[in-house]
Amino acid sequence: MKTKTTFFDKVLDRIKRITPLEVLTFVLLLIFIFPFYIVFINTAKPNILITSQPLLFPDGFNTMIENIGTIFSDTRMRYFSSLFNSVVITTFSL
C-alpha cells in the first residue's frame, strides 16, 4: 500500500537535498542584498540615529518621505548631477 505524501513531507525531502552550492548562493545573496537593506532602513531615520544605530529597524517610516524630499531639493547634494556622472562612468566602463 502506497502512503500518501503530504506537503510537509515534500518540503522535508527538498531540504534534505539542498546542495552546498545552493547554500553558498543563498549566503552570497544575503551579502549582496544587505547594503540595500541598510540604505532602505536608514532613509527612514533622522541623522542622529543613522550614525548611532545604523542596523536597527526604524520606529516608523514617517521621516522617509521628508528625507527623500531633502535629497532632491537640497542644492548642496546635487543628486541629479551625481546620478548623471555615475551613469556616464558606468556606461563607458562597460
N, C-alpha and C. Protein backbone atom coordinates (compact mmCIF):
# COMPACT_ATOMS: atom_id res chain seq x y z
N MET A 1 0.84 -1.18 0.00
CA MET A 1 0.00 0.00 0.00
C MET A 1 0.88 1.24 0.00
N LYS A 2 0.59 2.15 -0.88
CA LYS A 2 1.38 3.36 -1.03
C LYS A 2 0.88 4.42 -0.05
N THR A 3 1.86 5.03 0.66
CA THR A 3 1.47 6.07 1.61
C THR A 3 1.35 7.40 0.87
N LYS A 4 0.47 8.19 1.35
CA LYS A 4 0.22 9.50 0.75
C LYS A 4 1.28 10.48 1.26
N THR A 5 1.94 11.19 0.35
CA THR A 5 2.93 12.18 0.76
C THR A 5 2.24 13.52 0.94
N THR A 6 2.55 14.15 2.03
CA THR A 6 1.97 15.44 2.34
C THR A 6 2.90 16.55 1.89
N PHE A 7 2.41 17.74 1.93
CA PHE A 7 3.22 18.91 1.59
C PHE A 7 4.43 19.00 2.51
N PHE A 8 4.22 18.73 3.79
CA PHE A 8 5.31 18.79 4.76
C PHE A 8 6.39 17.77 4.43
N ASP A 9 6.00 16.58 3.99
CA ASP A 9 6.98 15.56 3.60
C ASP A 9 7.78 16.00 2.38
N LYS A 10 7.12 16.65 1.43
CA LYS A 10 7.80 17.14 0.24
C LYS A 10 8.81 18.23 0.61
N VAL A 11 8.43 19.12 1.52
CA VAL A 11 9.34 20.18 1.95
C VAL A 11 10.55 19.59 2.67
N LEU A 12 10.33 18.64 3.54
CA LEU A 12 11.44 17.99 4.24
C LEU A 12 12.36 17.26 3.27
N ASP A 13 11.79 16.62 2.28
CA ASP A 13 12.59 15.94 1.27
C ASP A 13 13.45 16.93 0.49
N ARG A 14 12.88 18.07 0.16
CA ARG A 14 13.64 19.11 -0.57
C ARG A 14 14.75 19.68 0.29
N ILE A 15 14.50 19.88 1.56
CA ILE A 15 15.51 20.42 2.47
C ILE A 15 16.68 19.44 2.59
N LYS A 16 16.38 18.17 2.59
CA LYS A 16 17.43 17.15 2.68
C LYS A 16 18.32 17.14 1.44
N ARG A 17 17.78 17.58 0.32
CA ARG A 17 18.54 17.55 -0.94
C ARG A 17 19.23 18.87 -1.27
N ILE A 18 19.31 19.80 -0.35
CA ILE A 18 19.98 21.08 -0.60
C ILE A 18 21.48 20.84 -0.76
N THR A 19 22.04 21.40 -1.82
CA THR A 19 23.45 21.21 -2.11
C THR A 19 24.28 22.35 -1.51
N PRO A 20 25.58 22.13 -1.33
CA PRO A 20 26.44 23.21 -0.84
C PRO A 20 26.45 24.43 -1.76
N LEU A 21 26.30 24.22 -3.05
CA LEU A 21 26.25 25.35 -3.99
C LEU A 21 25.02 26.21 -3.74
N GLU A 22 23.91 25.60 -3.41
CA GLU A 22 22.70 26.36 -3.10
C GLU A 22 22.86 27.15 -1.80
N VAL A 23 23.53 26.57 -0.84
CA VAL A 23 23.78 27.28 0.42
C VAL A 23 24.70 28.46 0.16
N LEU A 24 25.76 28.25 -0.61
CA LEU A 24 26.69 29.33 -0.95
C LEU A 24 25.97 30.44 -1.71
N THR A 25 25.11 30.07 -2.64
CA THR A 25 24.35 31.06 -3.40
C THR A 25 23.45 31.89 -2.50
N PHE A 26 22.81 31.24 -1.56
CA PHE A 26 21.94 31.96 -0.63
C PHE A 26 22.74 32.91 0.26
N VAL A 27 23.90 32.47 0.73
CA VAL A 27 24.75 33.33 1.57
C VAL A 27 25.22 34.54 0.76
N LEU A 28 25.63 34.32 -0.48
CA LEU A 28 26.05 35.44 -1.33
C LEU A 28 24.89 36.39 -1.62
N LEU A 29 23.70 35.86 -1.79
CA LEU A 29 22.53 36.70 -1.97
C LEU A 29 22.33 37.62 -0.76
N LEU A 30 22.43 37.05 0.43
CA LEU A 30 22.28 37.87 1.64
C LEU A 30 23.36 38.94 1.73
N ILE A 31 24.58 38.58 1.37
CA ILE A 31 25.68 39.55 1.43
C ILE A 31 25.45 40.70 0.45
N PHE A 32 24.96 40.40 -0.75
CA PHE A 32 24.74 41.45 -1.75
C PHE A 32 23.49 42.27 -1.46
N ILE A 33 22.49 41.70 -0.82
CA ILE A 33 21.26 42.42 -0.51
C ILE A 33 21.42 43.31 0.73
N PHE A 34 22.31 42.96 1.62
CA PHE A 34 22.46 43.67 2.89
C PHE A 34 22.69 45.18 2.73
N PRO A 35 23.55 45.66 1.84
CA PRO A 35 23.71 47.12 1.70
C PRO A 35 22.42 47.83 1.29
N PHE A 36 21.63 47.20 0.44
CA PHE A 36 20.36 47.81 0.04
C PHE A 36 19.39 47.88 1.22
N TYR A 37 19.42 46.87 2.05
CA TYR A 37 18.60 46.87 3.26
C TYR A 37 19.01 48.02 4.19
N ILE A 38 20.31 48.20 4.37
CA ILE A 38 20.82 49.27 5.24
C ILE A 38 20.40 50.63 4.70
N VAL A 39 20.54 50.84 3.41
CA VAL A 39 20.14 52.12 2.81
C VAL A 39 18.65 52.35 3.00
N PHE A 40 17.85 51.32 2.77
CA PHE A 40 16.41 51.46 2.88
C PHE A 40 15.98 51.82 4.30
N ILE A 41 16.49 51.11 5.31
CA ILE A 41 16.05 51.41 6.67
C ILE A 41 16.61 52.73 7.17
N ASN A 42 17.77 53.14 6.66
CA ASN A 42 18.35 54.40 7.13
C ASN A 42 17.70 55.62 6.47
N THR A 43 16.98 55.44 5.37
CA THR A 43 16.26 56.59 4.80
C THR A 43 15.08 56.98 5.68
N ALA A 44 14.67 56.10 6.56
CA ALA A 44 13.52 56.38 7.43
C ALA A 44 13.94 56.84 8.81
N LYS A 45 15.20 57.21 8.99
CA LYS A 45 15.68 57.63 10.30
C LYS A 45 16.22 59.06 10.25
N PRO A 46 16.18 59.75 11.38
CA PRO A 46 16.87 61.03 11.46
C PRO A 46 18.38 60.80 11.45
N ASN A 47 19.14 61.86 11.15
CA ASN A 47 20.59 61.73 11.02
C ASN A 47 21.25 61.14 12.25
N ILE A 48 20.84 61.53 13.42
CA ILE A 48 21.50 61.07 14.64
C ILE A 48 21.36 59.56 14.82
N LEU A 49 20.21 59.01 14.43
CA LEU A 49 20.02 57.56 14.55
C LEU A 49 20.78 56.78 13.49
N ILE A 50 21.01 57.39 12.34
CA ILE A 50 21.77 56.71 11.28
C ILE A 50 23.19 56.45 11.75
N THR A 51 23.78 57.43 12.42
CA THR A 51 25.16 57.26 12.86
C THR A 51 25.27 56.48 14.16
N SER A 52 24.28 56.60 15.04
CA SER A 52 24.39 55.92 16.33
C SER A 52 23.85 54.49 16.30
N GLN A 53 22.82 54.22 15.50
CA GLN A 53 22.21 52.89 15.44
C GLN A 53 21.90 52.52 13.98
N PRO A 54 22.91 52.29 13.16
CA PRO A 54 22.67 52.09 11.73
C PRO A 54 21.96 50.78 11.38
N LEU A 55 22.04 49.77 12.23
CA LEU A 55 21.45 48.47 11.89
C LEU A 55 20.05 48.25 12.45
N LEU A 56 19.61 49.11 13.34
CA LEU A 56 18.29 48.93 13.95
C LEU A 56 17.19 49.36 13.00
N PHE A 57 16.08 48.66 13.07
CA PHE A 57 14.91 49.00 12.25
C PHE A 57 14.29 50.28 12.79
N PRO A 58 13.83 51.20 11.92
CA PRO A 58 13.27 52.47 12.40
C PRO A 58 11.93 52.26 13.12
N ASP A 59 11.59 53.23 13.96
CA ASP A 59 10.31 53.17 14.67
C ASP A 59 9.13 53.32 13.71
N GLY A 60 9.29 54.14 12.73
CA GLY A 60 8.24 54.35 11.74
C GLY A 60 8.87 54.87 10.46
N PHE A 61 8.08 54.93 9.41
CA PHE A 61 8.60 55.37 8.12
C PHE A 61 8.11 56.77 7.76
N ASN A 62 7.71 57.56 8.76
CA ASN A 62 7.23 58.91 8.51
C ASN A 62 8.34 59.83 8.03
N THR A 63 9.53 59.63 8.53
CA THR A 63 10.65 60.50 8.17
C THR A 63 11.18 60.21 6.78
N MET A 64 10.84 59.06 6.24
CA MET A 64 11.39 58.66 4.94
C MET A 64 11.03 59.66 3.84
N ILE A 65 9.78 60.07 3.78
CA ILE A 65 9.35 60.99 2.73
C ILE A 65 10.06 62.33 2.87
N GLU A 66 10.20 62.78 4.09
CA GLU A 66 10.91 64.05 4.33
C GLU A 66 12.38 63.94 3.92
N ASN A 67 13.02 62.83 4.27
CA ASN A 67 14.42 62.64 3.91
C ASN A 67 14.62 62.54 2.40
N ILE A 68 13.73 61.84 1.73
CA ILE A 68 13.84 61.73 0.27
C ILE A 68 13.60 63.09 -0.38
N GLY A 69 12.67 63.86 0.14
CA GLY A 69 12.45 65.22 -0.38
C GLY A 69 13.68 66.09 -0.20
N THR A 70 14.37 65.92 0.91
CA THR A 70 15.60 66.69 1.15
C THR A 70 16.68 66.32 0.14
N ILE A 71 16.78 65.07 -0.22
CA ILE A 71 17.78 64.64 -1.19
C ILE A 71 17.57 65.35 -2.51
N PHE A 72 16.33 65.48 -2.96
CA PHE A 72 16.07 66.08 -4.25
C PHE A 72 16.05 67.60 -4.22
N SER A 73 15.73 68.20 -3.08
CA SER A 73 15.58 69.65 -3.04
C SER A 73 16.81 70.40 -2.52
N ASP A 74 17.67 69.76 -1.75
CA ASP A 74 18.84 70.44 -1.19
C ASP A 74 19.88 70.66 -2.28
N THR A 75 20.26 71.92 -2.48
CA THR A 75 21.21 72.25 -3.55
C THR A 75 22.62 71.78 -3.25
N ARG A 76 22.93 71.55 -1.98
CA ARG A 76 24.28 71.10 -1.63
C ARG A 76 24.53 69.64 -2.04
N MET A 77 23.48 68.87 -2.20
CA MET A 77 23.66 67.44 -2.50
C MET A 77 23.88 67.17 -3.99
N ARG A 78 23.30 67.97 -4.86
CA ARG A 78 23.44 67.81 -6.31
C ARG A 78 23.20 66.37 -6.74
N TYR A 79 22.06 65.84 -6.38
CA TYR A 79 21.74 64.43 -6.61
C TYR A 79 21.73 64.09 -8.10
N PHE A 80 21.06 64.90 -8.92
CA PHE A 80 20.90 64.56 -10.33
C PHE A 80 22.23 64.62 -11.09
N SER A 81 23.09 65.58 -10.76
CA SER A 81 24.38 65.62 -11.44
C SER A 81 25.26 64.44 -11.00
N SER A 82 25.15 64.05 -9.75
CA SER A 82 25.90 62.88 -9.28
C SER A 82 25.38 61.61 -9.95
N LEU A 83 24.08 61.49 -10.09
CA LEU A 83 23.49 60.34 -10.76
C LEU A 83 23.93 60.30 -12.22
N PHE A 84 23.92 61.45 -12.89
CA PHE A 84 24.35 61.52 -14.28
C PHE A 84 25.81 61.09 -14.41
N ASN A 85 26.67 61.59 -13.52
CA ASN A 85 28.08 61.20 -13.56
C ASN A 85 28.26 59.70 -13.37
N SER A 86 27.50 59.11 -12.47
CA SER A 86 27.57 57.66 -12.23
C SER A 86 27.13 56.88 -13.46
N VAL A 87 26.08 57.35 -14.11
CA VAL A 87 25.60 56.66 -15.32
C VAL A 87 26.63 56.76 -16.44
N VAL A 88 27.25 57.91 -16.61
CA VAL A 88 28.27 58.09 -17.64
C VAL A 88 29.47 57.18 -17.38
N ILE A 89 29.95 57.18 -16.15
CA ILE A 89 31.11 56.36 -15.80
C ILE A 89 30.80 54.88 -15.99
N THR A 90 29.63 54.46 -15.56
CA THR A 90 29.24 53.06 -15.71
C THR A 90 29.10 52.68 -17.18
N THR A 91 28.51 53.58 -17.97
CA THR A 91 28.31 53.29 -19.40
C THR A 91 29.65 53.14 -20.12
N PHE A 92 30.58 54.05 -19.85
CA PHE A 92 31.87 53.98 -20.55
C PHE A 92 32.78 52.88 -20.00
N SER A 93 32.53 52.41 -18.81
CA SER A 93 33.36 51.34 -18.27
C SER A 93 32.93 49.97 -18.80
N LEU A 94 31.71 49.91 -19.34
CA LEU A 94 31.24 48.64 -19.91
C LEU A 94 31.78 48.51 -21.29
